[in-house]
Amino acid sequence: MREAFLKRPALFPLLICGYFALQVLVRLLLPHELELDEAQQSLLSQWFAWGYDTQPPLYNWVYFAVSRLFGNSLASLTILKNLLLAGTYLLYYAAARTVVAERGLAMVAALGLLAIPHLSFESQRDLTHSVAMNFSAALFLFALMRTLRRPSALAYLLLGLAAGIGLISKYNFALLLATSGLAALIDAETRKRLLDWRILLSAAAALMVLLPHALWLLDNLTLGSEGSLDKLREGAASGLLTQIIGGLSSILEGFAGYGALATVIFVVLYGKRLWARAPDQTVEARLIERMLAIFAVLLVGLVLFAGAASFKERWLSPVLITLPLYAVLRLQAAGTSGKLAFSRFLPVALIIMLVIPSVLALRVVGSGWTGNYQKINVPYSDLARQVGAAKGAPAAVIAQDPHLAGNLRLHLPGSLIDARWYPSFMGDDSLPPGPVLVVWRASGRDGAPSDPAMPASLAAHVRKTFGDAPLTMPPEIVSIPFHYDHNGESYRFAYVWVER
């Protein structure tokens, strides 16, 4: 089988596409309820805007188009995500194929992404904007490698498009641009590519892609920037020294969480070849080395001078995604054959390809036995059916939180879902005439302490919209079994109807 992949180039893309088709199948066989990021896409697909919240809008735009063409459904959400993930692996393979001589090494680079939990597991479990960013990073790396090896006007244009797309996928994509630009300036061979007049084509292409959202961002700078800075400062201690120690520790934890598994696998499989002296190391390998070093310095600077204290793995991904490519460039410089490298890595990759969808399925199907119910075990679809059977589909829904709102948007497709968390899309006067469903969580599982009263934040919004009358109405309480429940464990919801 290994020889077949090396002799027939089309088999590798088929393997990648087949794997992500399997992921689609597994997700669609599980309950049609939504994780947090999926629910946000479901909710926001009601509107198109140049910006939405603290995240840039690329994924929202793409899903808005998909939902208009194919409907808002779990299938639409899942297929879009897996198309982007498959594209990430294939673009990464193309980037590696540009700079390594043997196809086997390029395939190892792409399969190496499977050994990064953020890319292989977390992206399937519940990520959206990060998925778009990783796709953009792979596209940028392909364009960058192509520009270094075979510079042309088309390569520079693609580089700029990738940069623009990346910046409207997640703001931390700027770290990839900064590190690659600074690293290119240091070396004479890469500096001449950066100072080529055709870099103006890159700048123009990036600006065209970025401009609509950039204009929105200028009018919403606090919303667009403070959320990201607040997340970096999460958990910061009051003392400066404690904050610095915590921030530096978080950097190490982030690097380890992102790349430790991949590092262990590569070391076990290839040993000393990874750190053997390589006088003939390529310019691309030296570039990535400098990018990683500059990245580490930038992160330390954020800790020392910006008060950063928390670095999650997905925030490090724009630069650390280069690790498998760098490892393969090291193997090539050490004289490792593509056939040897691929024959060792393929069994590991196939095992990962079986383990990940199995774990994703078992964590849901077996949740009743473990007692650890997942978000997609919560019976939002059954709630929507019960509500519809009792009084018909509501004209509008006001929900306690965005996760509940996004799920009800999926299961009550004819209803407008209030989005008070995004006030630019919906004000108090935006609700259509007709019955309005106000719904909230009533303490979760049966047996837990129960308080069916409307939560304070929801009550304040209802009072502002309808007055005090709905708050005096006794709520309906429904207790619905979890998907794959054990011994009849249920989830409670509460709701009231308001005529408008």
Protein backbone atom coordinates (compact mmCIF):
# COMPACT_ATOMS: atom_id res chain seq x y z
CA MET A 1 0.00 0.00 0.00
CA ARG A 2 2.83 2.41 0.81
CA GLU A 3 4.36 1.89 -2.60
CA ALA A 4 0.99 2.61 -4.23
CA PHE A 5 0.88 6.08 -2.67
CA LEU A 6 4.39 6.80 -3.90
CA LYS A 7 3.73 5.54 -7.43
CA ARG A 8 0.22 6.98 -7.88
CA PRO A 9 0.11 10.67 -6.83
CA ALA A 10 -3.70 10.86 -6.97
CA LEU A 11 -4.09 8.39 -4.10
CA PHE A 12 -2.92 10.83 -1.43
CA PRO A 13 -5.58 13.50 -2.10
CA LEU A 14 -8.14 10.67 -2.19
CA LEU A 15 -6.96 9.51 1.24
CA ILE A 16 -7.33 13.02 2.66
CA CYS A 17 -10.76 13.55 1.11
CA GLY A 18 -11.91 10.09 2.20
CA TYR A 19 -10.87 10.77 5.78
CA PHE A 20 -12.84 14.01 5.98
CA ALA A 21 -15.82 12.37 4.28
CA LEU A 22 -15.72 9.85 7.13
CA GLN A 23 -15.72 12.71 9.62
CA VAL A 24 -18.80 14.18 7.94
CA LEU A 25 -20.57 10.83 8.11
CA VAL A 26 -19.77 10.34 11.80
CA ARG A 27 -20.99 13.84 12.71
CA LEU A 28 -24.25 13.43 10.78
CA LEU A 29 -24.94 10.10 12.50
CA LEU A 30 -24.72 11.81 15.90
CA PRO A 31 -27.58 13.93 17.31
CA HIS A 32 -28.34 17.00 15.23
CA GLU A 33 -27.57 19.44 18.02
CA LEU A 34 -24.89 22.11 17.87
CA GLU A 35 -21.70 22.85 19.73
CA LEU A 36 -20.94 26.44 20.78
CA ASP A 37 -19.22 27.67 17.61
CA GLU A 38 -21.67 25.83 15.36
CA ALA A 39 -24.58 27.46 17.19
CA GLN A 40 -23.05 30.90 16.72
CA GLN A 41 -22.82 30.32 12.96
CA SER A 42 -26.41 29.10 12.92
CA LEU A 43 -27.58 32.21 14.78
CA LEU A 44 -25.59 34.75 12.78
CA SER A 45 -26.51 33.22 9.42
CA GLN A 46 -29.72 35.27 9.70
CA TRP A 47 -27.77 38.37 8.66
CA PHE A 48 -24.88 39.52 6.49
CA ALA A 49 -22.60 42.20 7.91
CA TRP A 50 -19.08 43.53 7.35
CA GLY A 51 -18.30 42.62 10.95
CA TYR A 52 -20.04 40.81 13.79
CA ASP A 53 -18.12 40.70 17.05
CA THR A 54 -14.59 40.20 18.37
CA GLN A 55 -13.83 37.72 15.57
CA PRO A 56 -13.32 38.72 11.93
CA PRO A 57 -16.12 37.68 9.58
CA LEU A 58 -14.67 35.29 6.97
CA TYR A 59 -16.30 32.14 8.31
CA ASN A 60 -19.58 34.00 8.89
CA TRP A 61 -19.59 35.23 5.28
CA VAL A 62 -18.88 31.81 3.85
CA TYR A 63 -21.50 30.10 5.99
CA PHE A 64 -24.03 32.83 5.23
CA ALA A 65 -23.62 32.01 1.51
CA VAL A 66 -23.75 28.26 2.15
CA SER A 67 -26.90 28.55 4.27
CA ARG A 68 -28.60 30.64 1.60
CA LEU A 69 -27.78 28.06 -1.08
CA PHE A 70 -28.34 24.83 0.88
CA GLY A 71 -30.20 25.86 4.02
CA ASN A 72 -29.11 26.19 7.64
CA SER A 73 -28.51 22.60 8.73
CA LEU A 74 -26.03 20.38 10.48
CA ALA A 75 -25.07 19.00 7.07
CA SER A 76 -24.26 22.50 5.78
CA LEU A 77 -22.19 23.30 8.86
CA THR A 78 -20.34 19.98 8.85
CA ILE A 79 -19.59 19.75 5.14
CA LEU A 80 -18.29 23.33 5.03
CA LYS A 81 -15.97 22.74 7.96
CA ASN A 82 -14.59 19.51 6.53
CA LEU A 83 -14.08 21.03 3.10
CA LEU A 84 -11.94 23.70 4.74
CA LEU A 85 -10.07 21.10 6.77
CA ALA A 86 -9.42 18.92 3.73
CA GLY A 87 -8.29 22.03 1.88
CA THR A 88 -5.88 22.83 4.73
CA TYR A 89 -4.18 19.44 4.46
CA LEU A 90 -4.03 19.52 0.66
CA LEU A 91 -2.64 23.05 0.56
CA TYR A 92 -0.08 22.10 3.18
CA TYR A 93 0.89 19.12 1.02
CA ALA A 94 1.21 21.47 -1.98
CA ALA A 95 3.41 23.83 0.06
CA ALA A 96 5.66 20.95 1.10
CA ARG A 97 5.72 19.56 -2.44
CA THR A 98 7.05 22.92 -3.62
CA VAL A 99 10.15 22.78 -1.40
CA VAL A 100 10.97 19.09 -0.91
CA ALA A 101 12.31 16.88 -3.64
CA GLU A 102 10.45 13.66 -2.81
CA ARG A 103 6.70 13.18 -2.71
CA GLY A 104 6.95 10.89 0.30
CA LEU A 105 8.36 13.67 2.46
CA ALA A 106 5.62 16.06 1.34
CA MET A 107 2.99 13.52 2.34
CA VAL A 108 4.61 13.15 5.76
CA ALA A 109 4.41 16.92 6.23
CA ALA A 110 0.66 16.97 5.50
CA LEU A 111 -0.06 13.87 7.59
CA GLY A 112 1.97 15.44 10.39
CA LEU A 113 -0.95 17.83 10.93
CA LEU A 114 -2.90 14.84 12.26
CA ALA A 115 -0.44 14.70 15.16
CA ILE A 116 -1.40 18.23 16.28
CA PRO A 117 -4.51 17.88 18.50
CA HIS A 118 -5.67 21.43 17.84
CA LEU A 119 -5.80 20.71 14.10
CA SER A 120 -6.97 17.11 14.14
CA PHE A 121 -9.29 16.78 17.15
CA GLU A 122 -10.33 20.22 18.39
CA SER A 123 -11.10 21.45 14.89
CA GLN A 124 -13.59 18.61 14.50
CA ARG A 125 -15.05 18.94 17.98
CA ASP A 126 -15.99 22.62 17.85
CA LEU A 127 -14.03 25.33 16.04
CA THR A 128 -15.00 27.60 13.15
CA HIS A 129 -12.92 30.79 12.89
CA SER A 130 -9.76 28.83 13.77
CA VAL A 131 -10.56 26.36 11.01
CA ALA A 132 -10.72 29.23 8.51
CA MET A 133 -7.48 30.66 9.89
CA ASN A 134 -5.62 27.35 9.55
CA PHE A 135 -6.88 27.03 5.98
CA SER A 136 -5.62 30.56 5.31
CA ALA A 137 -2.26 29.76 6.92
CA ALA A 138 -1.82 26.70 4.69
CA LEU A 139 -2.73 28.80 1.64
CA PHE A 140 -0.25 31.49 2.73
CA LEU A 141 2.52 28.93 3.25
CA PHE A 142 1.90 27.50 -0.21
CA ALA A 143 2.02 30.99 -1.75
CA LEU A 144 5.12 31.88 0.28
CA MET A 145 7.01 28.73 -0.74
CA ARG A 146 5.96 29.26 -4.37
CA THR A 147 7.15 32.88 -4.25
CA LEU A 148 10.51 31.85 -2.81
CA ARG A 149 11.08 29.04 -5.30
CA ARG A 150 9.35 30.32 -8.46
CA PRO A 151 8.61 34.03 -8.08
CA SER A 152 6.06 35.40 -10.52
CA ALA A 153 3.35 38.05 -10.59
CA LEU A 154 0.78 35.30 -10.01
CA ALA A 155 2.67 33.99 -6.97
CA TYR A 156 2.82 37.47 -5.44
CA LEU A 157 -0.88 38.00 -6.10
CA LEU A 158 -1.70 34.70 -4.41
CA LEU A 159 0.51 35.69 -1.47
CA GLY A 160 -1.47 38.90 -1.03
CA LEU A 161 -4.83 37.17 -1.38
CA ALA A 162 -3.81 34.63 1.24
CA ALA A 163 -2.67 37.41 3.58
CA GLY A 164 -5.96 39.27 3.20
CA ILE A 165 -8.05 36.13 3.65
CA GLY A 166 -6.03 35.23 6.73
CA LEU A 167 -6.55 38.61 8.35
CA ILE A 168 -10.32 38.37 7.97
CA SER A 169 -10.32 34.81 9.32
CA LYS A 170 -8.71 35.58 12.71
CA TYR A 171 -6.77 38.61 13.85
CA ASN A 172 -3.91 36.51 15.24
CA PHE A 173 -3.08 35.61 11.63
CA ALA A 174 -1.10 38.86 11.76
CA LEU A 175 1.50 36.91 13.77
CA LEU A 176 2.25 34.76 10.72
CA LEU A 177 2.64 37.85 8.54
CA ALA A 178 4.87 39.57 11.10
CA THR A 179 7.14 36.60 11.74
CA SER A 180 7.51 35.65 8.07
CA GLY A 181 8.16 39.28 7.05
CA LEU A 182 10.77 39.87 9.75
CA ALA A 183 12.41 36.50 9.08
CA ALA A 184 12.60 37.26 5.37
CA LEU A 185 14.31 40.61 6.03
CA ILE A 186 17.15 38.96 7.95
CA ASP A 187 18.46 36.75 5.13
CA ALA A 188 19.75 38.24 1.86
CA GLU A 189 18.24 35.46 -0.25
CA THR A 190 14.75 35.95 1.10
CA ARG A 191 15.10 39.71 1.48
CA LYS A 192 15.32 40.15 -2.28
CA ARG A 193 11.91 38.45 -2.62
CA LEU A 194 10.45 40.79 -0.03
CA LEU A 195 11.89 43.89 -1.72
CA ASP A 196 10.82 42.84 -5.21
CA TRP A 197 8.48 45.43 -6.81
CA ARG A 198 5.88 42.69 -7.24
CA ILE A 199 5.31 42.76 -3.50
CA LEU A 200 3.11 45.77 -4.34
CA LEU A 201 0.79 43.30 -6.08
CA SER A 202 0.61 41.38 -2.83
CA ALA A 203 -0.20 44.52 -0.88
CA ALA A 204 -2.91 45.55 -3.35
CA ALA A 205 -4.53 42.10 -3.31
CA ALA A 206 -4.48 41.96 0.49
CA LEU A 207 -5.98 45.44 0.75
CA MET A 208 -8.82 44.59 -1.64
CA VAL A 209 -9.79 41.58 0.47
CA LEU A 210 -9.35 43.36 3.80
CA LEU A 211 -10.85 46.79 3.03
CA PRO A 212 -14.60 46.19 3.66
CA HIS A 213 -14.01 44.67 7.09
CA ALA A 214 -11.24 47.17 7.88
CA LEU A 215 -13.69 50.06 7.37
CA TRP A 216 -16.16 48.36 9.70
CA LEU A 217 -13.37 47.76 12.23
CA LEU A 218 -12.48 51.46 12.27
CA ASP A 219 -16.03 52.20 13.42
CA ASN A 220 -16.02 49.34 15.92
CA LEU A 221 -12.43 49.36 17.13
CA THR A 222 -13.29 48.75 20.78
CA LEU A 223 -15.42 45.72 19.95
CA GLY A 224 -12.85 44.33 17.53
CA SER A 225 -9.75 44.80 19.67
CA GLU A 226 -10.66 44.73 23.35
CA GLY A 227 -12.13 41.24 23.25
CA SER A 228 -8.87 39.79 21.94
CA LEU A 229 -6.74 41.71 24.45
CA ASP A 230 -9.03 40.73 27.30
CA LYS A 231 -8.64 37.06 26.39
CA LEU A 232 -4.84 37.38 26.44
CA ARG A 233 -5.09 38.92 29.90
CA GLU A 234 -7.44 36.27 31.29
CA GLY A 235 -6.19 34.89 34.58
CA ALA A 236 -3.56 37.60 34.98
CA ALA A 237 -2.38 37.89 38.57
CA SER A 238 -2.38 41.21 40.39
CA GLY A 239 1.38 41.29 40.94
CA LEU A 240 3.69 42.08 38.01
CA LEU A 241 6.16 39.29 38.76
CA THR A 242 3.39 36.74 39.21
CA GLN A 243 1.77 37.88 35.95
CA ILE A 244 5.08 37.53 34.08
CA ILE A 245 5.76 34.06 35.49
CA GLY A 246 2.20 33.01 34.66
CA GLY A 247 2.46 34.40 31.12
CA LEU A 248 5.78 32.70 30.41
CA SER A 249 4.43 29.44 31.81
CA SER A 250 1.38 29.79 29.56
CA ILE A 251 3.65 30.17 26.52
CA LEU A 252 5.46 26.94 27.40
CA GLU A 253 2.16 25.14 28.04
CA GLY A 254 0.76 26.41 24.74
CA PHE A 255 3.80 25.24 22.79
CA ALA A 256 3.68 21.86 24.53
CA GLY A 257 -0.06 21.41 24.08
CA TYR A 258 0.17 22.30 20.42
CA GLY A 259 3.29 20.46 19.34
CA ALA A 260 4.31 17.92 22.00
CA LEU A 261 2.52 14.93 20.46
CA ALA A 262 3.83 15.68 16.98
CA THR A 263 7.34 16.16 18.36
CA VAL A 264 7.24 12.83 20.19
CA ILE A 265 5.97 10.99 17.11
CA PHE A 266 8.61 12.51 14.82
CA VAL A 267 11.40 11.82 17.34
CA VAL A 268 10.32 8.21 17.84
CA LEU A 269 10.04 7.60 14.10
CA TYR A 270 13.12 9.47 12.87
CA GLY A 271 15.36 10.02 15.89
CA LYS A 272 18.68 11.76 15.31
CA ARG A 273 17.84 12.63 11.72
CA LEU A 274 15.76 15.55 13.03
CA TRP A 275 18.65 17.33 14.75
CA ALA A 276 21.59 16.11 12.70
CA ARG A 277 23.85 18.88 11.43
CA ALA A 278 22.69 19.90 7.99
CA PRO A 279 25.05 22.27 6.19
CA ASP A 280 22.94 22.04 3.04
CA GLN A 281 19.74 23.12 4.80
CA THR A 282 17.40 24.97 2.45
CA VAL A 283 16.54 28.64 2.60
CA GLU A 284 12.96 27.69 3.50
CA ALA A 285 14.12 25.70 6.54
CA ARG A 286 16.22 28.64 7.71
CA LEU A 287 13.24 30.94 7.18
CA ILE A 288 10.96 28.79 9.36
CA GLU A 289 13.66 28.56 12.05
CA ARG A 290 13.84 32.34 12.20
CA MET A 291 10.03 32.62 12.17
CA LEU A 292 9.75 30.34 15.21
CA ALA A 293 12.49 32.25 17.05
CA ILE A 294 10.89 35.62 16.29
CA PHE A 295 7.51 34.24 17.34
CA ALA A 296 8.88 33.23 20.72
CA VAL A 297 10.36 36.72 21.20
CA LEU A 298 7.05 38.36 20.23
CA LEU A 299 5.12 36.25 22.73
CA VAL A 300 7.57 37.07 25.49
CA GLY A 301 7.17 40.74 24.56
CA LEU A 302 3.40 40.46 24.93
CA VAL A 303 3.90 39.08 28.42
CA LEU A 304 6.40 41.73 29.47
CA PHE A 305 4.88 44.81 27.89
CA ALA A 306 1.19 44.08 27.22
CA GLY A 307 0.27 42.19 30.37
CA ALA A 308 -0.57 38.98 28.48
CA ALA A 309 -1.03 35.99 30.76
CA SER A 310 -2.90 33.35 28.76
CA PHE A 311 -1.99 31.80 25.40
CA LYS A 312 -4.35 29.16 24.13
CA GLU A 313 -3.16 26.69 21.54
CA ARG A 314 -5.40 28.03 18.80
CA TRP A 315 -3.83 31.50 19.22
CA LEU A 316 -0.39 30.00 18.50
CA SER A 317 -1.50 28.05 15.45
CA PRO A 318 -0.73 30.61 12.69
CA VAL A 319 3.01 30.16 13.24
CA LEU A 320 3.28 26.75 14.91
CA ILE A 321 1.45 25.15 11.99
CA THR A 322 4.85 25.28 10.26
CA LEU A 323 6.28 22.60 12.58
CA PRO A 324 5.60 19.49 10.43
CA LEU A 325 6.96 21.26 7.35
CA TYR A 326 10.07 22.28 9.26
CA ALA A 327 10.56 18.71 10.51
CA VAL A 328 10.34 17.37 6.96
CA LEU A 329 12.84 19.97 5.72
CA ARG A 330 15.20 18.80 8.46
CA LEU A 331 14.72 15.19 7.38
CA GLN A 332 15.47 16.10 3.79
CA ALA A 333 18.62 17.97 4.79
CA ALA A 334 19.73 14.89 6.76
CA GLY A 335 19.38 12.75 3.63
CA THR A 336 16.28 10.80 4.71
CA SER A 337 14.52 9.22 1.75
CA GLY A 338 10.89 10.00 1.10
CA LYS A 339 10.09 6.30 0.88
CA LEU A 340 11.55 5.58 4.32
CA ALA A 341 9.91 8.62 5.92
CA PHE A 342 6.47 7.85 4.47
CA SER A 343 6.58 4.13 5.22
CA ARG A 344 7.21 4.89 8.89
CA PHE A 345 4.59 7.63 9.24
CA LEU A 346 1.69 6.11 7.29
CA PRO A 347 0.70 3.48 9.93
CA VAL A 348 0.68 6.16 12.63
CA ALA A 349 -1.47 8.43 10.46
CA LEU A 350 -3.97 5.66 9.72
CA ILE A 351 -4.28 4.87 13.42
CA ILE A 352 -4.99 8.54 14.18
CA MET A 353 -7.54 8.61 11.36
CA LEU A 354 -9.43 5.79 13.05
CA VAL A 355 -9.02 6.96 16.64
CA ILE A 356 -10.25 10.54 16.22
CA PRO A 357 -13.69 9.85 14.70
CA SER A 358 -14.12 6.94 17.12
CA VAL A 359 -13.44 9.15 20.14
CA LEU A 360 -15.70 11.90 18.78
CA ALA A 361 -18.52 9.39 18.44
CA LEU A 362 -17.98 7.50 21.70
CA ARG A 363 -17.86 10.66 23.83
CA VAL A 364 -21.46 11.28 22.75
CA VAL A 365 -22.85 7.76 22.39
CA GLY A 366 -21.30 6.61 25.67
CA SER A 367 -22.04 9.74 27.66
CA GLY A 368 -24.97 8.13 29.50
CA TRP A 369 -22.67 5.48 30.93
CA THR A 370 -19.88 7.89 31.83
CA GLY A 371 -22.29 10.54 33.18
CA ASN A 372 -20.40 13.16 31.15
CA TYR A 373 -23.06 14.46 28.79
CA GLN A 374 -21.78 16.59 25.92
CA LYS A 375 -23.38 19.69 24.45
CA ILE A 376 -24.80 17.69 21.55
CA ASN A 377 -26.47 15.29 24.00
CA VAL A 378 -28.80 18.11 25.08
CA PRO A 379 -32.21 17.60 23.37
CA TYR A 380 -32.78 21.00 21.71
CA SER A 381 -34.52 19.37 18.73
CA ASP A 382 -37.01 17.63 21.03
CA LEU A 383 -37.69 20.94 22.77
CA ALA A 384 -38.46 22.56 19.41
CA ARG A 385 -40.80 19.68 18.48
CA GLN A 386 -42.67 19.89 21.78
CA VAL A 387 -43.06 23.64 21.53
CA GLY A 388 -44.26 23.39 17.93
CA ALA A 389 -46.72 20.62 18.72
CA ALA A 390 -48.25 22.64 21.55
CA LYS A 391 -48.75 25.98 19.84
CA GLY A 392 -47.14 25.96 16.42
CA ALA A 393 -43.90 27.61 15.34
CA PRO A 394 -43.33 30.98 17.07
CA ALA A 395 -42.90 34.14 15.03
CA ALA A 396 -39.78 34.86 17.06
CA VAL A 397 -37.70 33.33 19.83
CA ILE A 398 -35.92 35.07 22.69
CA ALA A 399 -33.45 32.67 24.31
CA GLN A 400 -31.32 32.78 27.43
CA ASP A 401 -27.94 32.43 25.69
CA PRO A 402 -26.44 32.30 22.17
CA HIS A 403 -25.91 28.54 22.33
CA LEU A 404 -29.58 27.88 23.01
CA ALA A 405 -30.56 30.51 20.44
CA GLY A 406 -28.39 28.98 17.69
CA ASN A 407 -29.81 25.52 18.29
CA LEU A 408 -33.37 26.81 18.12
CA ARG A 409 -32.51 28.66 14.93
CA LEU A 410 -31.58 25.24 13.49
CA HIS A 411 -34.73 23.48 14.67
CA LEU A 412 -37.24 26.33 14.21
CA PRO A 413 -36.16 27.53 10.76
CA GLY A 414 -39.25 29.67 10.17
CA SER A 415 -38.78 31.74 13.33
CA LEU A 416 -36.71 34.87 13.79
CA ILE A 417 -34.22 34.33 16.60
CA ASP A 418 -33.50 37.35 18.77
CA ALA A 419 -29.80 38.22 18.94
CA ARG A 420 -29.50 40.83 21.65
CA TRP A 421 -25.81 39.89 22.00
CA TYR A 422 -25.34 41.52 18.57
CA PRO A 423 -27.32 44.77 18.89
CA SER A 424 -26.34 46.11 15.47
CA PHE A 425 -28.47 43.37 13.87
CA MET A 426 -31.54 43.49 16.04
CA GLY A 427 -33.16 46.06 18.29
CA ASP A 428 -36.20 45.85 20.52
CA ASP A 429 -38.50 46.86 17.65
CA SER A 430 -37.26 44.19 15.24
CA LEU A 431 -39.50 41.34 16.39
CA PRO A 432 -42.25 40.44 13.93
CA PRO A 433 -45.94 40.36 14.94
CA GLY A 434 -47.18 37.07 16.34
CA PRO A 435 -46.41 34.78 19.26
CA VAL A 436 -42.93 35.09 20.75
CA LEU A 437 -41.33 32.20 22.62
CA VAL A 438 -39.15 33.19 25.59
CA VAL A 439 -37.08 30.15 26.61
CA TRP A 440 -34.36 29.40 29.12
CA ARG A 441 -32.55 26.55 30.86
CA ALA A 442 -34.20 25.39 34.08
CA SER A 443 -31.22 23.96 35.99
CA GLY A 444 -30.29 21.19 33.60
CA ARG A 445 -30.54 17.58 34.75
CA ASP A 446 -33.34 16.09 36.78
CA GLY A 447 -32.32 15.72 40.38
CA ALA A 448 -30.32 18.95 40.37
CA PRO A 449 -31.47 21.91 42.49
CA SER A 450 -34.24 23.48 40.44
CA ASP A 451 -35.02 27.16 39.96
CA PRO A 452 -37.40 27.65 37.05
CA ALA A 453 -37.43 31.44 37.44
CA MET A 454 -36.38 33.45 34.41
CA PRO A 455 -32.66 34.41 34.65
CA ALA A 456 -32.05 38.05 35.55
CA SER A 457 -30.37 39.09 32.28
CA LEU A 458 -33.14 37.50 30.21
CA ALA A 459 -35.81 39.03 32.45
CA ALA A 460 -34.30 42.48 31.97
CA HIS A 461 -34.41 42.08 28.19
CA VAL A 462 -38.00 40.80 28.29
CA ARG A 463 -39.08 43.68 30.54
CA LYS A 464 -37.46 46.16 28.15
CA THR A 465 -39.22 44.58 25.17
CA PHE A 466 -42.68 43.65 26.54
CA GLY A 467 -43.04 45.26 29.97
CA ASP A 468 -43.63 43.34 33.21
CA ALA A 469 -46.56 41.19 32.08
CA PRO A 470 -44.53 38.18 30.79
CA LEU A 471 -42.60 38.05 34.05
CA THR A 472 -45.79 37.34 36.00
CA MET A 473 -46.78 34.41 33.80
CA PRO A 474 -46.08 30.92 35.22
CA PRO A 475 -43.51 29.22 32.98
CA GLU A 476 -44.02 25.88 31.33
CA ILE A 477 -41.36 23.40 32.51
CA VAL A 478 -40.40 20.51 30.26
CA SER A 479 -38.06 17.68 31.16
CA ILE A 480 -36.66 15.89 28.12
CA PRO A 481 -34.31 12.86 28.15
CA PHE A 482 -30.75 13.45 26.99
CA HIS A 483 -29.74 11.85 23.72
CA TYR A 484 -28.23 8.47 24.72
CA ASP A 485 -29.46 8.94 28.30
CA HIS A 486 -28.85 6.32 30.96
CA ASN A 487 -31.65 5.54 33.45
CA GLY A 488 -33.88 8.31 32.10
CA GLU A 489 -31.64 11.29 32.88
CA SER A 490 -33.25 14.43 31.51
CA TYR A 491 -32.61 18.08 30.78
CA ARG A 492 -35.03 20.82 31.87
CA PHE A 493 -36.13 23.84 29.89
CA ALA A 494 -38.62 26.57 30.82
CA TYR A 495 -40.57 28.88 28.54
CA VAL A 496 -43.42 31.35 28.30
CA TRP A 497 -45.41 32.56 25.30
CA VAL A 498 -45.88 36.28 24.69
CA GLU A 499 -48.33 37.64 22.15
CA ARG A 500 -47.06 40.59 20.17
